[in-house]
Amino acid sequence: MLSKAELKELTKDEVIVKLRDDEEALMNLRFQHALLQLENPGQLRYLKREVAQLKTIIHEYELGLRK
């Protein structure tokens, strides 16, 4: 779980790997939530936000706003 400053310093390849990992973790948390085994529901909210931030960073790379 990285801060915004740490996310900004990642390269495009690192962002893609982090996004893949976060999406997998989010899927696992959703399964746990459905089975009523999730201890901290705040994790879902945090991961959804981080996935959105990572997707925004990837889009910025594609637009050429980041190098």
N, C-alpha and C. Protein backbone atom coordinates (compact mmCIF):
# COMPACT_ATOMS: atom_id res chain seq x y z
N MET A 1 0.84 -1.16 0.00
CA MET A 1 0.00 0.00 0.00
C MET A 1 0.89 1.23 0.00
N LEU A 2 0.95 1.86 -1.15
CA LEU A 2 1.86 2.96 -1.36
C LEU A 2 1.16 4.31 -1.24
N SER A 3 1.95 5.31 -0.87
CA SER A 3 1.41 6.66 -0.82
C SER A 3 1.38 7.25 -2.22
N LYS A 4 0.73 8.39 -2.36
CA LYS A 4 0.65 9.04 -3.67
C LYS A 4 2.03 9.41 -4.19
N ALA A 5 2.90 9.87 -3.32
CA ALA A 5 4.25 10.26 -3.73
C ALA A 5 5.02 9.04 -4.24
N GLU A 6 4.85 7.91 -3.57
CA GLU A 6 5.53 6.69 -4.00
C GLU A 6 4.97 6.19 -5.32
N LEU A 7 3.68 6.34 -5.52
CA LEU A 7 3.06 5.91 -6.79
C LEU A 7 3.59 6.74 -7.95
N LYS A 8 3.81 8.02 -7.72
CA LYS A 8 4.27 8.90 -8.79
C LYS A 8 5.69 8.56 -9.25
N GLU A 9 6.47 7.94 -8.39
CA GLU A 9 7.86 7.63 -8.71
C GLU A 9 8.02 6.31 -9.47
N LEU A 10 6.97 5.52 -9.58
CA LEU A 10 7.05 4.21 -10.24
C LEU A 10 7.15 4.37 -11.75
N THR A 11 7.87 3.45 -12.39
CA THR A 11 7.93 3.43 -13.84
C THR A 11 6.65 2.78 -14.37
N LYS A 12 6.45 2.88 -15.67
CA LYS A 12 5.23 2.33 -16.27
C LYS A 12 5.14 0.82 -16.04
N ASP A 13 6.24 0.11 -16.19
CA ASP A 13 6.23 -1.34 -15.98
C ASP A 13 5.92 -1.69 -14.53
N GLU A 14 6.47 -0.94 -13.60
CA GLU A 14 6.19 -1.18 -12.18
C GLU A 14 4.72 -0.91 -11.86
N VAL A 15 4.16 0.12 -12.49
CA VAL A 15 2.75 0.45 -12.27
C VAL A 15 1.86 -0.68 -12.79
N ILE A 16 2.20 -1.23 -13.94
CA ILE A 16 1.40 -2.32 -14.52
C ILE A 16 1.44 -3.54 -13.62
N VAL A 17 2.61 -3.88 -13.10
CA VAL A 17 2.74 -5.03 -12.20
C VAL A 17 1.95 -4.78 -10.91
N LYS A 18 2.07 -3.58 -10.36
CA LYS A 18 1.34 -3.23 -9.13
C LYS A 18 -0.16 -3.28 -9.36
N LEU A 19 -0.61 -2.82 -10.53
CA LEU A 19 -2.04 -2.85 -10.86
C LEU A 19 -2.55 -4.29 -10.90
N ARG A 20 -1.79 -5.17 -11.56
CA ARG A 20 -2.18 -6.58 -11.65
C ARG A 20 -2.29 -7.19 -10.25
N ASP A 21 -1.30 -6.91 -9.40
CA ASP A 21 -1.31 -7.44 -8.04
C ASP A 21 -2.51 -6.91 -7.24
N ASP A 22 -2.77 -5.61 -7.36
CA ASP A 22 -3.88 -5.01 -6.62
C ASP A 22 -5.23 -5.53 -7.10
N GLU A 23 -5.38 -5.73 -8.40
CA GLU A 23 -6.65 -6.26 -8.91
C GLU A 23 -6.89 -7.68 -8.41
N GLU A 24 -5.83 -8.47 -8.32
CA GLU A 24 -5.96 -9.83 -7.80
C GLU A 24 -6.31 -9.80 -6.31
N ALA A 25 -5.66 -8.93 -5.56
CA ALA A 25 -5.95 -8.79 -4.13
C ALA A 25 -7.39 -8.30 -3.92
N LEU A 26 -7.85 -7.39 -4.76
CA LEU A 26 -9.21 -6.88 -4.66
C LEU A 26 -10.22 -7.99 -4.91
N MET A 27 -9.94 -8.83 -5.89
CA MET A 27 -10.84 -9.95 -6.18
C MET A 27 -10.92 -10.89 -4.97
N ASN A 28 -9.77 -11.18 -4.37
CA ASN A 28 -9.75 -12.06 -3.19
C ASN A 28 -10.52 -11.44 -2.03
N LEU A 29 -10.37 -10.13 -1.83
CA LEU A 29 -11.11 -9.46 -0.75
C LEU A 29 -12.61 -9.49 -1.01
N ARG A 30 -13.01 -9.36 -2.27
CA ARG A 30 -14.44 -9.41 -2.60
C ARG A 30 -15.01 -10.79 -2.30
N PHE A 31 -14.23 -11.84 -2.58
CA PHE A 31 -14.68 -13.19 -2.25
C PHE A 31 -14.82 -13.35 -0.73
N GLN A 32 -13.82 -12.86 0.01
CA GLN A 32 -13.89 -12.94 1.46
C GLN A 32 -15.10 -12.18 1.99
N HIS A 33 -15.38 -11.03 1.40
CA HIS A 33 -16.52 -10.22 1.83
C HIS A 33 -17.83 -10.96 1.56
N ALA A 34 -17.91 -11.61 0.42
CA ALA A 34 -19.13 -12.35 0.07
C ALA A 34 -19.35 -13.52 1.02
N LEU A 35 -18.26 -14.11 1.50
CA LEU A 35 -18.36 -15.25 2.41
C LEU A 35 -18.37 -14.82 3.88
N LEU A 36 -18.47 -13.52 4.10
CA LEU A 36 -18.50 -12.93 5.45
C LEU A 36 -17.25 -13.28 6.25
N GLN A 37 -16.10 -13.34 5.59
CA GLN A 37 -14.84 -13.65 6.27
C GLN A 37 -13.90 -12.45 6.30
N LEU A 38 -14.34 -11.32 5.81
CA LEU A 38 -13.48 -10.15 5.73
C LEU A 38 -13.45 -9.45 7.08
N GLU A 39 -12.24 -9.28 7.62
CA GLU A 39 -12.09 -8.67 8.93
C GLU A 39 -12.11 -7.14 8.86
N ASN A 40 -11.53 -6.58 7.79
CA ASN A 40 -11.43 -5.13 7.69
C ASN A 40 -12.02 -4.67 6.35
N PRO A 41 -13.29 -4.26 6.32
CA PRO A 41 -13.92 -3.83 5.07
C PRO A 41 -13.29 -2.57 4.47
N GLY A 42 -12.53 -1.83 5.25
CA GLY A 42 -11.86 -0.65 4.75
C GLY A 42 -10.81 -0.98 3.69
N GLN A 43 -10.32 -2.20 3.71
CA GLN A 43 -9.34 -2.64 2.72
C GLN A 43 -9.92 -2.56 1.32
N LEU A 44 -11.19 -2.92 1.17
CA LEU A 44 -11.84 -2.86 -0.14
C LEU A 44 -11.81 -1.44 -0.68
N ARG A 45 -12.18 -0.50 0.12
CA ARG A 45 -12.22 0.90 -0.29
C ARG A 45 -10.83 1.40 -0.69
N TYR A 46 -9.83 1.07 0.14
CA TYR A 46 -8.48 1.52 -0.14
C TYR A 46 -7.97 0.92 -1.45
N LEU A 47 -8.17 -0.38 -1.65
CA LEU A 47 -7.68 -1.02 -2.87
C LEU A 47 -8.38 -0.50 -4.11
N LYS A 48 -9.67 -0.24 -4.02
CA LYS A 48 -10.38 0.32 -5.18
C LYS A 48 -9.81 1.68 -5.56
N ARG A 49 -9.50 2.48 -4.57
CA ARG A 49 -8.90 3.80 -4.84
C ARG A 49 -7.51 3.66 -5.45
N GLU A 50 -6.72 2.73 -4.92
CA GLU A 50 -5.37 2.57 -5.44
C GLU A 50 -5.40 2.05 -6.88
N VAL A 51 -6.33 1.14 -7.19
CA VAL A 51 -6.48 0.65 -8.57
C VAL A 51 -6.82 1.81 -9.49
N ALA A 52 -7.71 2.68 -9.07
CA ALA A 52 -8.08 3.84 -9.88
C ALA A 52 -6.88 4.76 -10.10
N GLN A 53 -6.09 4.98 -9.06
CA GLN A 53 -4.91 5.83 -9.19
C GLN A 53 -3.90 5.22 -10.16
N LEU A 54 -3.72 3.91 -10.07
CA LEU A 54 -2.78 3.24 -10.97
C LEU A 54 -3.25 3.31 -12.42
N LYS A 55 -4.54 3.15 -12.63
CA LYS A 55 -5.07 3.24 -13.99
C LYS A 55 -4.90 4.66 -14.53
N THR A 56 -5.04 5.66 -13.67
CA THR A 56 -4.84 7.05 -14.07
C THR A 56 -3.39 7.28 -14.47
N ILE A 57 -2.46 6.73 -13.71
CA ILE A 57 -1.04 6.88 -14.02
C ILE A 57 -0.72 6.23 -15.36
N ILE A 58 -1.26 5.04 -15.62
CA ILE A 58 -1.03 4.36 -16.89
C ILE A 58 -1.58 5.20 -18.04
N HIS A 59 -2.75 5.79 -17.84
CA HIS A 59 -3.35 6.63 -18.87
C HIS A 59 -2.47 7.86 -19.14
N GLU A 60 -1.90 8.43 -18.10
CA GLU A 60 -1.02 9.57 -18.25
C GLU A 60 0.22 9.20 -19.05
N TYR A 61 0.76 8.00 -18.82
CA TYR A 61 1.89 7.53 -19.62
C TYR A 61 1.49 7.42 -21.09
N GLU A 62 0.29 6.89 -21.35
CA GLU A 62 -0.17 6.72 -22.72
C GLU A 62 -0.38 8.06 -23.43
N LEU A 63 -0.79 9.08 -22.68
CA LEU A 63 -1.00 10.40 -23.24
C LEU A 63 0.30 11.18 -23.38
N GLY A 64 1.37 10.67 -22.79
CA GLY A 64 2.65 11.36 -22.86
C GLY A 64 2.83 12.42 -21.80
N LEU A 65 1.99 12.42 -20.79
CA LEU A 65 2.11 13.38 -19.71
C LEU A 65 3.19 12.98 -18.72
N ARG A 66 3.56 11.73 -18.74
CA ARG A 66 4.63 11.20 -17.88
C ARG A 66 5.69 10.57 -18.75
N LYS A 67 6.91 10.60 -18.25
CA LYS A 67 8.01 10.00 -19.00
C LYS A 67 8.70 8.96 -18.18
